[in-house]
């Protein structure tokens, strides 16, 4: 099979700038030419079916731009969030709650392929192992950059942390707005969806209440 050509902007094949240490979790601004061409053909076909003139100036490069955009928006399929967490694990005796709140997230609803966006709050109680703080937002990002439903996204983040860190408990809350409800369907512009998932010590009322207080939400 012919080797695929990769277009990049000063990036190595692993997604890092030339001369920089390798990062196993990066895949930004990397586009596979064969994938781009195949997706662009389909996008052009959709535009034709909808009655657009794909030869007009404003649309000449649109199929390729959309193809690249989808590769970026769904690059999470090529990444393993568990590997990200394992890259920065440390032994530590700290056994109180660690919370990373207000993590921005952008994803695509798998039902209509329209965006939903919002923020995630992720907490865990270590049991001898902690993880570099940046790895929690990166874990959220990997799962969000796939076709998703908010409920599953919430569970996937919790399960990955539970599996790798084996903490005494994990809690995840996501608050998001869905364009499939705002632009079409119900057309409710101010609606928000909140999902939560907890494990371990967060099943205890007092611990869960502390978490909810810290993120500024209500039980």
N, C-alpha and C. Protein backbone atom coordinates (compact mmCIF):
# COMPACT_ATOMS: atom_id res chain seq x y z
N UNK A 1 0.84 -1.17 0.00
CA UNK A 1 0.00 0.00 0.00
C UNK A 1 0.88 1.24 0.00
N UNK A 2 0.53 2.21 -0.83
CA UNK A 2 1.34 3.41 -0.96
C UNK A 2 1.34 4.18 0.35
N UNK A 3 2.50 4.76 0.66
CA UNK A 3 2.62 5.52 1.89
C UNK A 3 1.82 6.82 1.78
N UNK A 4 1.06 7.13 2.81
CA UNK A 4 0.27 8.34 2.81
C UNK A 4 1.15 9.56 3.07
N UNK A 5 0.88 10.64 2.36
CA UNK A 5 1.61 11.89 2.56
C UNK A 5 0.89 12.73 3.61
N UNK A 6 1.68 13.33 4.47
CA UNK A 6 1.12 14.16 5.53
C UNK A 6 1.50 15.61 5.28
N UNK A 7 0.53 16.50 5.32
CA UNK A 7 0.79 17.92 5.26
C UNK A 7 0.86 18.45 6.68
N UNK A 8 1.83 19.30 6.95
CA UNK A 8 1.95 19.85 8.29
C UNK A 8 2.48 21.26 8.24
N UNK A 9 2.48 21.91 9.40
CA UNK A 9 3.02 23.26 9.50
C UNK A 9 4.19 23.23 10.47
N UNK A 10 5.36 22.78 9.99
CA UNK A 10 6.53 22.70 10.84
C UNK A 10 6.43 21.68 11.93
N UNK A 11 5.66 20.59 11.68
CA UNK A 11 5.47 19.56 12.69
C UNK A 11 6.08 18.25 12.23
N UNK A 12 6.60 17.49 13.21
CA UNK A 12 7.06 16.15 12.89
C UNK A 12 5.87 15.21 12.79
N UNK A 13 6.13 13.96 12.43
CA UNK A 13 5.03 13.00 12.24
C UNK A 13 4.26 12.76 13.52
N UNK A 14 4.91 12.96 14.68
CA UNK A 14 4.20 12.76 15.94
C UNK A 14 3.48 14.01 16.41
N UNK A 15 3.50 15.07 15.58
CA UNK A 15 2.70 16.24 15.90
C UNK A 15 3.42 17.30 16.71
N UNK A 16 4.77 17.20 16.85
CA UNK A 16 5.50 18.20 17.63
C UNK A 16 6.37 19.03 16.71
N UNK A 17 6.67 20.30 17.09
CA UNK A 17 7.52 21.14 16.26
C UNK A 17 8.90 20.53 16.10
N UNK A 18 9.55 20.80 14.96
CA UNK A 18 10.90 20.32 14.73
C UNK A 18 11.82 20.78 15.85
N UNK A 19 12.60 19.85 16.40
CA UNK A 19 13.55 20.18 17.45
C UNK A 19 12.98 20.09 18.85
N UNK A 20 11.68 19.91 18.99
CA UNK A 20 11.06 19.82 20.31
C UNK A 20 10.99 18.37 20.75
N UNK A 21 10.94 18.11 22.07
CA UNK A 21 10.79 16.72 22.56
C UNK A 21 9.50 16.11 22.04
N UNK A 22 9.50 14.81 21.77
CA UNK A 22 8.28 14.18 21.25
C UNK A 22 7.16 14.18 22.26
N UNK A 23 5.93 14.36 21.77
CA UNK A 23 4.73 14.30 22.59
C UNK A 23 3.78 13.29 21.97
N UNK A 24 3.48 12.26 22.71
CA UNK A 24 2.70 11.17 22.16
C UNK A 24 1.24 11.53 21.97
N UNK A 25 0.76 12.59 22.61
CA UNK A 25 -0.66 12.88 22.59
C UNK A 25 -1.05 13.98 21.62
N UNK A 26 -0.09 14.61 20.91
CA UNK A 26 -0.42 15.72 20.03
C UNK A 26 -0.70 15.23 18.61
N UNK A 27 -1.74 15.82 18.00
CA UNK A 27 -2.00 15.54 16.60
C UNK A 27 -2.66 16.76 15.96
N UNK A 28 -2.30 17.94 16.41
CA UNK A 28 -2.91 19.16 15.92
C UNK A 28 -2.28 19.56 14.58
N UNK A 29 -3.14 20.09 13.69
CA UNK A 29 -2.69 20.58 12.40
C UNK A 29 -2.01 19.52 11.55
N UNK A 30 -2.42 18.28 11.73
CA UNK A 30 -1.90 17.19 10.91
C UNK A 30 -3.03 16.67 10.05
N UNK A 31 -2.79 16.61 8.73
CA UNK A 31 -3.85 16.20 7.82
C UNK A 31 -3.31 15.15 6.86
N UNK A 32 -4.00 14.04 6.78
CA UNK A 32 -3.65 13.00 5.85
C UNK A 32 -4.23 13.36 4.47
N UNK A 33 -3.39 13.42 3.46
CA UNK A 33 -3.82 13.88 2.15
C UNK A 33 -4.90 13.00 1.55
N UNK A 34 -4.74 11.68 1.68
CA UNK A 34 -5.74 10.78 1.11
C UNK A 34 -7.09 10.95 1.81
N UNK A 35 -7.05 11.09 3.12
CA UNK A 35 -8.29 11.31 3.87
C UNK A 35 -8.92 12.64 3.48
N UNK A 36 -8.10 13.67 3.35
CA UNK A 36 -8.61 14.99 2.96
C UNK A 36 -9.29 14.92 1.60
N UNK A 37 -8.67 14.26 0.64
CA UNK A 37 -9.24 14.17 -0.71
C UNK A 37 -10.56 13.39 -0.70
N UNK A 38 -10.59 12.29 0.05
CA UNK A 38 -11.81 11.47 0.10
C UNK A 38 -12.96 12.24 0.76
N UNK A 39 -12.67 12.90 1.87
CA UNK A 39 -13.71 13.68 2.55
C UNK A 39 -14.18 14.84 1.69
N UNK A 40 -13.25 15.51 1.02
CA UNK A 40 -13.59 16.67 0.20
C UNK A 40 -14.55 16.28 -0.92
N UNK A 41 -14.37 15.10 -1.49
CA UNK A 41 -15.27 14.63 -2.55
C UNK A 41 -16.70 14.50 -2.01
N UNK A 42 -16.82 13.96 -0.83
CA UNK A 42 -18.15 13.80 -0.23
C UNK A 42 -18.78 15.15 0.11
N UNK A 43 -17.97 16.06 0.64
CA UNK A 43 -18.49 17.39 0.97
C UNK A 43 -18.98 18.10 -0.29
N UNK A 44 -18.22 17.98 -1.37
CA UNK A 44 -18.63 18.59 -2.64
C UNK A 44 -19.95 17.99 -3.12
N UNK A 45 -20.09 16.68 -2.94
CA UNK A 45 -21.34 16.03 -3.33
C UNK A 45 -22.52 16.52 -2.52
N UNK A 46 -22.32 16.72 -1.22
CA UNK A 46 -23.40 17.24 -0.37
C UNK A 46 -23.82 18.63 -0.83
N UNK A 47 -22.85 19.48 -1.12
CA UNK A 47 -23.15 20.83 -1.59
C UNK A 47 -23.93 20.80 -2.90
N UNK A 48 -23.53 19.90 -3.80
CA UNK A 48 -24.25 19.75 -5.08
C UNK A 48 -25.70 19.34 -4.84
N UNK A 49 -25.90 18.36 -3.97
CA UNK A 49 -27.26 17.86 -3.69
C UNK A 49 -28.13 18.97 -3.10
N UNK A 50 -27.52 19.83 -2.28
CA UNK A 50 -28.27 20.92 -1.66
C UNK A 50 -28.54 22.09 -2.60
N UNK A 51 -28.00 22.00 -3.82
CA UNK A 51 -28.28 23.01 -4.82
C UNK A 51 -27.26 24.12 -4.93
N UNK A 52 -26.12 23.98 -4.25
CA UNK A 52 -25.09 25.00 -4.32
C UNK A 52 -24.24 24.83 -5.59
N UNK A 53 -23.62 25.92 -5.99
CA UNK A 53 -22.69 25.91 -7.12
C UNK A 53 -21.28 25.83 -6.57
N UNK A 54 -20.69 24.66 -6.60
CA UNK A 54 -19.36 24.46 -6.00
C UNK A 54 -18.26 25.10 -6.84
N UNK A 55 -18.61 25.64 -8.01
CA UNK A 55 -17.61 26.32 -8.83
C UNK A 55 -17.52 27.81 -8.55
N UNK A 56 -18.43 28.32 -7.73
CA UNK A 56 -18.35 29.75 -7.44
C UNK A 56 -17.20 30.03 -6.49
N UNK A 57 -16.71 31.26 -6.55
CA UNK A 57 -15.46 31.62 -5.87
C UNK A 57 -15.46 31.27 -4.39
N UNK A 58 -16.54 31.58 -3.69
CA UNK A 58 -16.57 31.37 -2.25
C UNK A 58 -16.52 29.92 -1.83
N UNK A 59 -16.85 29.00 -2.74
CA UNK A 59 -16.91 27.57 -2.39
C UNK A 59 -15.80 26.75 -3.01
N UNK A 60 -14.91 27.38 -3.77
CA UNK A 60 -13.90 26.61 -4.49
C UNK A 60 -13.05 25.75 -3.54
N UNK A 61 -12.67 26.29 -2.41
CA UNK A 61 -11.81 25.55 -1.47
C UNK A 61 -12.56 25.03 -0.26
N UNK A 62 -13.88 25.22 -0.25
CA UNK A 62 -14.65 24.81 0.92
C UNK A 62 -14.60 23.31 1.19
N UNK A 63 -14.76 22.44 0.19
CA UNK A 63 -14.70 21.00 0.49
C UNK A 63 -13.41 20.58 1.18
N UNK A 64 -12.28 21.12 0.74
CA UNK A 64 -11.01 20.76 1.37
C UNK A 64 -10.91 21.35 2.77
N UNK A 65 -11.40 22.58 2.95
CA UNK A 65 -11.36 23.18 4.29
C UNK A 65 -12.21 22.39 5.26
N UNK A 66 -13.41 21.97 4.82
CA UNK A 66 -14.28 21.17 5.68
C UNK A 66 -13.62 19.84 6.01
N UNK A 67 -12.98 19.23 5.03
CA UNK A 67 -12.32 17.94 5.25
C UNK A 67 -11.23 18.06 6.31
N UNK A 68 -10.48 19.14 6.25
CA UNK A 68 -9.43 19.34 7.25
C UNK A 68 -10.04 19.66 8.61
N UNK A 69 -11.10 20.45 8.60
CA UNK A 69 -11.75 20.79 9.86
C UNK A 69 -12.26 19.54 10.58
N UNK A 70 -12.88 18.63 9.83
CA UNK A 70 -13.39 17.41 10.47
C UNK A 70 -12.26 16.53 10.99
N UNK A 71 -11.14 16.50 10.29
CA UNK A 71 -10.01 15.74 10.81
C UNK A 71 -9.54 16.30 12.14
N UNK A 72 -9.54 17.62 12.26
CA UNK A 72 -9.12 18.23 13.53
C UNK A 72 -10.17 18.02 14.61
N UNK A 73 -11.44 18.25 14.26
CA UNK A 73 -12.50 18.16 15.26
C UNK A 73 -12.68 16.75 15.79
N UNK A 74 -12.23 15.75 15.03
CA UNK A 74 -12.39 14.36 15.47
C UNK A 74 -11.06 13.64 15.59
N UNK A 75 -10.00 14.39 15.90
CA UNK A 75 -8.70 13.74 16.01
C UNK A 75 -8.56 12.89 17.27
N UNK A 76 -9.56 12.92 18.15
CA UNK A 76 -9.50 12.11 19.36
C UNK A 76 -9.53 10.61 19.10
N UNK A 77 -10.03 10.20 17.93
CA UNK A 77 -10.06 8.77 17.62
C UNK A 77 -8.65 8.18 17.54
N UNK A 78 -7.68 9.01 17.21
CA UNK A 78 -6.31 8.51 17.03
C UNK A 78 -5.51 8.52 18.32
N UNK A 79 -6.12 8.95 19.42
CA UNK A 79 -5.38 9.11 20.68
C UNK A 79 -5.99 8.26 21.78
N UNK A 80 -5.15 7.84 22.72
CA UNK A 80 -5.60 7.05 23.87
C UNK A 80 -5.43 7.89 25.14
N UNK A 81 -6.52 8.32 25.75
CA UNK A 81 -6.40 9.17 26.94
C UNK A 81 -5.70 8.47 28.11
N UNK A 82 -5.76 7.16 28.14
CA UNK A 82 -5.09 6.45 29.23
C UNK A 82 -3.58 6.59 29.11
N UNK A 83 -3.07 6.60 27.89
CA UNK A 83 -1.64 6.84 27.69
C UNK A 83 -1.25 8.24 28.15
N UNK A 84 -2.13 9.20 27.90
CA UNK A 84 -1.86 10.57 28.34
C UNK A 84 -1.73 10.63 29.85
N UNK A 85 -2.65 9.99 30.56
CA UNK A 85 -2.60 9.99 32.02
C UNK A 85 -1.35 9.29 32.54
N UNK A 86 -0.96 8.20 31.90
CA UNK A 86 0.20 7.42 32.37
C UNK A 86 1.51 8.18 32.18
N UNK A 87 1.54 9.16 31.30
CA UNK A 87 2.78 9.88 31.03
C UNK A 87 3.24 10.74 32.19
N UNK A 88 2.34 11.09 33.09
CA UNK A 88 2.72 12.01 34.17
C UNK A 88 2.10 11.58 35.49
N UNK A 89 2.33 10.33 35.86
CA UNK A 89 1.85 9.81 37.14
C UNK A 89 2.98 9.83 38.16
N UNK A 90 2.64 10.22 39.38
CA UNK A 90 3.65 10.33 40.43
C UNK A 90 3.10 9.75 41.72
N UNK A 91 3.99 9.12 42.49
CA UNK A 91 3.61 8.64 43.81
C UNK A 91 3.57 9.82 44.78
N UNK A 92 2.49 9.93 45.49
CA UNK A 92 2.33 11.05 46.42
C UNK A 92 1.34 10.65 47.51
N UNK A 93 1.64 11.05 48.76
CA UNK A 93 0.81 10.65 49.89
C UNK A 93 -0.44 11.52 50.04
N UNK A 94 -0.62 12.54 49.23
CA UNK A 94 -1.77 13.43 49.33
C UNK A 94 -3.06 12.64 49.15
N UNK A 95 -4.03 12.85 50.06
CA UNK A 95 -5.26 12.07 49.98
C UNK A 95 -6.52 12.92 50.13
N UNK A 96 -6.42 14.19 49.72
CA UNK A 96 -7.59 15.06 49.70
C UNK A 96 -8.02 15.29 48.26
N UNK A 97 -9.17 15.90 48.10
CA UNK A 97 -9.73 16.10 46.77
C UNK A 97 -8.84 17.01 45.91
N UNK A 98 -8.65 16.61 44.66
CA UNK A 98 -7.99 17.44 43.65
C UNK A 98 -9.03 17.76 42.58
N UNK A 99 -9.25 19.03 42.34
CA UNK A 99 -10.30 19.45 41.41
C UNK A 99 -9.72 20.35 40.33
N UNK A 100 -10.03 20.02 39.08
CA UNK A 100 -9.75 20.92 37.95
C UNK A 100 -11.11 21.31 37.39
N UNK A 101 -11.46 22.59 37.50
CA UNK A 101 -12.80 23.03 37.12
C UNK A 101 -12.75 23.95 35.90
N UNK A 102 -13.93 24.13 35.31
CA UNK A 102 -14.09 25.05 34.18
C UNK A 102 -13.18 24.70 33.00
N UNK A 103 -13.08 23.41 32.70
CA UNK A 103 -12.30 22.97 31.53
C UNK A 103 -13.16 23.16 30.29
N UNK A 104 -12.74 24.02 29.39
CA UNK A 104 -13.51 24.25 28.17
C UNK A 104 -13.55 22.98 27.32
N UNK A 105 -14.69 22.69 26.75
CA UNK A 105 -14.77 21.55 25.84
C UNK A 105 -15.66 21.88 24.65
N UNK A 106 -15.29 21.32 23.52
CA UNK A 106 -16.04 21.46 22.29
C UNK A 106 -16.12 20.07 21.66
N UNK A 107 -17.32 19.66 21.31
CA UNK A 107 -17.50 18.34 20.73
C UNK A 107 -18.59 18.40 19.66
N UNK A 108 -18.82 17.26 19.01
CA UNK A 108 -19.84 17.15 17.97
C UNK A 108 -20.84 16.08 18.39
N UNK A 109 -22.11 16.46 18.39
CA UNK A 109 -23.18 15.51 18.69
C UNK A 109 -23.23 14.44 17.59
N UNK A 110 -23.28 13.18 17.99
CA UNK A 110 -23.26 12.11 16.98
C UNK A 110 -24.60 11.97 16.25
N UNK A 111 -25.63 12.61 16.74
CA UNK A 111 -26.94 12.47 16.10
C UNK A 111 -27.11 13.40 14.90
N UNK A 112 -26.58 14.61 15.00
CA UNK A 112 -26.72 15.57 13.90
C UNK A 112 -25.38 16.14 13.44
N UNK A 113 -24.30 15.73 14.11
CA UNK A 113 -22.96 16.25 13.82
C UNK A 113 -22.92 17.77 13.93
N UNK A 114 -23.69 18.30 14.88
CA UNK A 114 -23.64 19.71 15.22
C UNK A 114 -22.88 19.86 16.54
N UNK A 115 -22.25 21.01 16.76
CA UNK A 115 -21.43 21.17 17.97
C UNK A 115 -22.24 21.24 19.25
N UNK A 116 -21.63 20.78 20.32
CA UNK A 116 -22.05 21.17 21.66
C UNK A 116 -20.80 21.60 22.40
N UNK A 117 -20.98 22.56 23.30
CA UNK A 117 -19.82 23.16 23.94
C UNK A 117 -20.17 23.55 25.37
N UNK A 118 -19.16 23.64 26.19
CA UNK A 118 -19.40 24.01 27.58
C UNK A 118 -18.15 23.83 28.40
N UNK A 119 -18.33 23.32 29.62
CA UNK A 119 -17.18 23.15 30.50
C UNK A 119 -17.35 21.88 31.32
N UNK A 120 -16.21 21.32 31.68
CA UNK A 120 -16.17 20.12 32.50
C UNK A 120 -15.48 20.43 33.82
N UNK A 121 -15.95 19.78 34.88
CA UNK A 121 -15.32 19.86 36.19
C UNK A 121 -14.94 18.43 36.57
N UNK A 122 -13.67 18.22 36.87
CA UNK A 122 -13.18 16.86 37.14
C UNK A 122 -12.43 16.86 38.46
N UNK A 123 -12.79 15.94 39.34
CA UNK A 123 -12.11 15.82 40.64
C UNK A 123 -11.80 14.36 40.92
N UNK A 124 -10.74 14.14 41.69
CA UNK A 124 -10.45 12.78 42.16
C UNK A 124 -9.78 12.87 43.52
N UNK A 125 -9.84 11.79 44.26
CA UNK A 125 -9.19 11.69 45.56
C UNK A 125 -8.10 10.64 45.43
N UNK A 126 -6.84 11.04 45.47
CA UNK A 126 -5.75 10.09 45.19
C UNK A 126 -5.64 8.98 46.23
N UNK A 127 -5.11 7.88 45.78
CA UNK A 127 -4.80 6.76 46.68
C UNK A 127 -3.35 6.36 46.42
N UNK A 128 -2.45 7.30 46.67
CA UNK A 128 -1.02 7.02 46.49
C UNK A 128 -0.47 7.48 45.16
N UNK A 129 -1.33 7.88 44.20
CA UNK A 129 -0.86 8.31 42.89
C UNK A 129 -1.60 9.58 42.47
N UNK A 130 -0.83 10.56 41.99
CA UNK A 130 -1.43 11.76 41.42
C UNK A 130 -0.98 11.87 39.96
N UNK A 131 -1.62 12.76 39.21
CA UNK A 131 -1.29 12.94 37.80
C UNK A 131 -1.05 14.42 37.56
N UNK A 132 -0.15 14.74 36.61
CA UNK A 132 0.07 16.13 36.24
C UNK A 132 -1.24 16.81 35.88
N UNK A 133 -1.44 18.02 36.39
CA UNK A 133 -2.73 18.68 36.25
C UNK A 133 -3.15 18.87 34.80
N UNK A 134 -2.21 19.12 33.91
CA UNK A 134 -2.57 19.36 32.51
C UNK A 134 -3.13 18.12 31.83
N UNK A 135 -2.84 16.94 32.41
CA UNK A 135 -3.30 15.71 31.78
C UNK A 135 -4.81 15.51 31.93
N UNK A 136 -5.40 16.16 32.91
CA UNK A 136 -6.86 16.04 33.06
C UNK A 136 -7.59 16.78 31.95
N UNK A 137 -7.27 18.06 31.67
CA UNK A 137 -7.90 18.71 30.50
C UNK A 137 -7.60 17.99 29.20
N UNK A 138 -6.41 17.42 29.06
CA UNK A 138 -6.09 16.71 27.82
C UNK A 138 -6.94 15.45 27.68
N UNK A 139 -7.22 14.81 28.80
CA UNK A 139 -8.10 13.63 28.77
C UNK A 139 -9.50 14.03 28.33
N UNK A 140 -10.00 15.13 28.87
CA UNK A 140 -11.31 15.65 28.45
C UNK A 140 -11.29 15.93 26.95
N UNK A 141 -10.22 16.56 26.47
CA UNK A 141 -10.11 16.94 25.07
C UNK A 141 -10.16 15.73 24.13
N UNK A 142 -9.43 14.67 24.49
CA UNK A 142 -9.39 13.49 23.62
C UNK A 142 -10.78 12.89 23.44
N UNK A 143 -11.51 12.73 24.53
CA UNK A 143 -12.85 12.16 24.42
C UNK A 143 -13.82 13.12 23.73
N UNK A 144 -13.63 14.43 23.93
CA UNK A 144 -14.53 15.40 23.31
C UNK A 144 -14.32 15.47 21.80
N UNK A 145 -13.10 15.21 21.34
CA UNK A 145 -12.81 15.30 19.91
C UNK A 145 -13.18 14.01 19.18
N UNK A 146 -14.37 13.55 19.48
CA UNK A 146 -14.97 12.40 18.80
C UNK A 146 -16.46 12.70 18.67
N UNK A 147 -17.16 11.95 17.84
CA UNK A 147 -18.62 12.08 17.83
C UNK A 147 -19.13 11.58 19.17
N UNK A 148 -19.96 12.37 19.83
CA UNK A 148 -20.29 12.08 21.22
C UNK A 148 -21.76 12.34 21.53
N UNK A 149 -22.17 11.79 22.67
CA UNK A 149 -23.32 12.29 23.42
C UNK A 149 -22.76 12.70 24.78
N UNK A 150 -23.34 13.70 25.38
CA UNK A 150 -22.78 14.25 26.61
C UNK A 150 -22.75 13.23 27.73
N UNK A 151 -23.76 12.38 27.78
CA UNK A 151 -23.82 11.37 28.84
C UNK A 151 -22.63 10.42 28.77
N UNK A 152 -22.33 9.93 27.56
CA UNK A 152 -21.21 9.00 27.42
C UNK A 152 -19.88 9.69 27.66
N UNK A 153 -19.75 10.92 27.20
CA UNK A 153 -18.52 11.68 27.42
C UNK A 153 -18.22 11.79 28.92
N UNK A 154 -19.23 12.06 29.70
CA UNK A 154 -19.07 12.18 31.16
C UNK A 154 -18.55 10.88 31.76
N UNK A 155 -19.13 9.75 31.35
CA UNK A 155 -18.71 8.45 31.87
C UNK A 155 -17.30 8.08 31.42
N UNK A 156 -16.96 8.38 30.17
CA UNK A 156 -15.64 8.02 29.65
C UNK A 156 -14.52 8.72 30.41
N UNK A 157 -14.73 9.98 30.73
CA UNK A 157 -13.71 10.73 31.48
C UNK A 157 -13.52 10.10 32.86
N UNK A 158 -14.64 9.83 33.54
CA UNK A 158 -14.56 9.21 34.87
C UNK A 158 -13.87 7.85 34.82
N UNK A 159 -14.27 7.02 33.87
CA UNK A 159 -13.74 5.66 33.80
C UNK A 159 -12.24 5.65 33.51
N UNK A 160 -11.77 6.56 32.64
CA UNK A 160 -10.35 6.59 32.32
C UNK A 160 -9.52 6.94 33.55
N UNK A 161 -9.98 7.91 34.33
CA UNK A 161 -9.25 8.28 35.55
C UNK A 161 -9.29 7.15 36.57
N UNK A 162 -10.45 6.53 36.72
CA UNK A 162 -10.56 5.39 37.65
C UNK A 162 -9.62 4.26 37.25
N UNK A 163 -9.56 3.96 35.96
CA UNK A 163 -8.76 2.83 35.49
C UNK A 163 -7.27 3.06 35.68
N UNK A 164 -6.81 4.25 35.36
CA UNK A 164 -5.37 4.51 35.37
C UNK A 164 -4.85 4.87 36.76
N UNK A 165 -5.53 5.78 37.43
CA UNK A 165 -5.03 6.26 38.72
C UNK A 165 -5.48 5.41 39.90
N UNK A 166 -6.56 4.64 39.72
CA UNK A 166 -7.13 3.86 40.80
C UNK A 166 -7.29 4.71 42.06
N UNK A 167 -7.97 5.84 41.95
CA UNK A 167 -8.14 6.73 43.11
C UNK A 167 -9.20 6.20 44.07
N UNK A 168 -9.34 6.90 45.17
CA UNK A 168 -10.40 6.54 46.12
C UNK A 168 -11.77 6.98 45.62
N UNK A 169 -11.78 7.86 44.64
CA UNK A 169 -13.04 8.29 44.04
C UNK A 169 -12.80 9.30 42.94
N UNK A 170 -13.74 9.38 42.02
CA UNK A 170 -13.66 10.33 40.90
C UNK A 170 -15.04 10.95 40.70
N UNK A 171 -15.05 12.22 40.32
CA UNK A 171 -16.31 12.90 40.03
C UNK A 171 -16.14 13.76 38.79
N UNK A 172 -17.15 13.73 37.92
CA UNK A 172 -17.14 14.53 36.69
C UNK A 172 -18.51 15.17 36.52
N UNK A 173 -18.52 16.47 36.26
CA UNK A 173 -19.74 17.19 35.89
C UNK A 173 -19.46 17.94 34.61
N UNK A 174 -20.38 17.85 33.65
CA UNK A 174 -20.28 18.60 32.41
C UNK A 174 -21.54 19.44 32.24
N UNK A 175 -21.33 20.71 31.94
CA UNK A 175 -22.43 21.62 31.63
C UNK A 175 -22.23 22.10 30.19
N UNK A 176 -23.22 21.90 29.32
CA UNK A 176 -23.03 22.21 27.91
C UNK A 176 -24.29 22.71 27.25
N UNK A 177 -24.09 23.43 26.17
CA UNK A 177 -25.17 23.87 25.29
C UNK A 177 -25.03 23.16 23.96
N UNK A 178 -26.17 22.74 23.41
CA UNK A 178 -26.18 21.91 22.21
C UNK A 178 -26.83 22.67 21.05
N UNK A 179 -26.08 22.85 19.98
CA UNK A 179 -26.62 23.57 18.83
C UNK A 179 -27.74 22.78 18.14
N UNK A 180 -27.78 21.46 18.34
CA UNK A 180 -28.89 20.70 17.75
C UNK A 180 -30.21 21.05 18.42
N UNK A 181 -30.17 21.64 19.63
CA UNK A 181 -31.37 22.14 20.29
C UNK A 181 -31.58 23.63 20.05
N UNK A 182 -30.51 24.34 19.74
CA UNK A 182 -30.58 25.80 19.62
C UNK A 182 -30.87 26.25 18.19
N UNK A 183 -30.27 25.55 17.20
CA UNK A 183 -30.40 25.96 15.80
C UNK A 183 -31.54 25.27 15.08
N UNK A 184 -31.98 24.13 15.61
CA UNK A 184 -33.01 23.33 14.95
C UNK A 184 -33.87 22.69 16.05
N UNK A 185 -34.81 21.85 15.65
CA UNK A 185 -35.60 21.12 16.65
C UNK A 185 -36.35 22.06 17.58
N UNK A 186 -36.03 21.96 18.87
CA UNK A 186 -36.74 22.74 19.88
C UNK A 186 -36.44 24.23 19.79
N UNK A 187 -35.26 24.58 19.26
CA UNK A 187 -34.83 25.98 19.11
C UNK A 187 -34.94 26.76 20.42
N UNK A 188 -34.42 26.17 21.47
CA UNK A 188 -34.38 26.82 22.78
C UNK A 188 -32.97 27.36 23.02
N UNK A 189 -32.83 28.68 22.93
CA UNK A 189 -31.52 29.30 22.87
C UNK A 189 -30.77 29.29 24.20
N UNK A 190 -31.47 29.25 25.30
CA UNK A 190 -30.82 29.38 26.60
C UNK A 190 -30.76 28.08 27.40
N UNK A 191 -31.11 26.98 26.77
CA UNK A 191 -31.12 25.71 27.49
C UNK A 191 -29.70 25.18 27.67
N UNK A 192 -29.46 24.59 28.83
CA UNK A 192 -28.19 23.95 29.14
C UNK A 192 -28.45 22.55 29.66
N UNK A 193 -27.52 21.66 29.38
CA UNK A 193 -27.63 20.28 29.85
C UNK A 193 -26.49 20.01 30.83
N UNK A 194 -26.82 19.45 31.98
CA UNK A 194 -25.82 19.09 32.98
C UNK A 194 -25.85 17.59 33.21
N UNK A 195 -24.68 16.97 33.13
CA UNK A 195 -24.55 15.54 33.41
C UNK A 195 -23.48 15.35 34.47
N UNK A 196 -23.61 14.29 35.25
CA UNK A 196 -22.62 14.01 36.29
C UNK A 196 -22.42 12.52 36.43
N UNK A 197 -21.23 12.16 36.91
CA UNK A 197 -20.93 10.76 37.19
C UNK A 197 -19.88 10.72 38.29
N UNK A 198 -20.12 9.88 39.30
CA UNK A 198 -19.20 9.80 40.43
C UNK A 198 -18.90 8.33 40.73
N UNK A 199 -17.79 8.13 41.43
CA UNK A 199 -17.42 6.78 41.87
C UNK A 199 -16.74 6.87 43.23
N UNK A 200 -16.64 5.73 43.88
CA UNK A 200 -15.89 5.64 45.13
C UNK A 200 -16.42 6.56 46.21
N UNK A 201 -15.51 7.32 46.82
CA UNK A 201 -15.88 8.16 47.96
C UNK A 201 -16.83 9.28 47.59
N UNK A 202 -16.94 9.60 46.31
CA UNK A 202 -17.88 10.64 45.90
C UNK A 202 -19.33 10.15 45.98
N UNK A 203 -19.51 8.85 46.19
CA UNK A 203 -20.86 8.36 46.45
C UNK A 203 -21.36 8.79 47.83
N UNK A 204 -20.42 9.15 48.71
CA UNK A 204 -20.79 9.64 50.04
C UNK A 204 -21.36 11.05 49.92
N UNK A 205 -22.44 11.30 50.61
CA UNK A 205 -23.14 12.58 50.48
C UNK A 205 -22.22 13.77 50.80
N UNK A 206 -21.45 13.69 51.87
CA UNK A 206 -20.63 14.83 52.28
C UNK A 206 -19.55 15.14 51.25
N UNK A 207 -18.94 14.11 50.70
CA UNK A 207 -17.88 14.31 49.71
C UNK A 207 -18.45 14.89 48.42
N UNK A 208 -19.59 14.34 48.00
CA UNK A 208 -20.23 14.86 46.79
C UNK A 208 -20.67 16.31 47.01
N UNK A 209 -21.20 16.62 48.20
CA UNK A 209 -21.64 17.98 48.49
C UNK A 209 -20.47 18.97 48.45
N UNK A 210 -19.32 18.54 48.96
CA UNK A 210 -18.13 19.41 48.91
C UNK A 210 -17.73 19.68 47.46
N UNK A 211 -17.75 18.64 46.65
CA UNK A 211 -17.40 18.78 45.22
C UNK A 211 -18.35 19.76 44.54
N UNK A 212 -19.65 19.57 44.75
CA UNK A 212 -20.62 20.44 44.12
C UNK A 212 -20.49 21.88 44.61
N UNK A 213 -20.16 22.06 45.87
CA UNK A 213 -19.96 23.41 46.39
C UNK A 213 -18.75 24.07 45.73
N UNK A 214 -17.68 23.30 45.57
CA UNK A 214 -16.46 23.85 44.98
C UNK A 214 -16.62 24.24 43.52
N UNK A 215 -17.47 23.54 42.79
CA UNK A 215 -17.67 23.91 41.39
C UNK A 215 -18.78 24.94 41.22
N UNK A 216 -19.43 25.29 42.34
CA UNK A 216 -20.44 26.33 42.28
C UNK A 216 -21.76 25.86 41.70
N UNK A 217 -22.01 24.56 41.75
CA UNK A 217 -23.26 24.00 41.25
C UNK A 217 -24.14 23.62 42.42
N UNK A 218 -25.35 23.17 42.13
CA UNK A 218 -26.27 22.70 43.16
C UNK A 218 -26.44 21.21 43.03
N UNK A 219 -26.73 20.56 44.10
CA UNK A 219 -26.90 19.11 44.07
C UNK A 219 -28.20 18.75 43.36
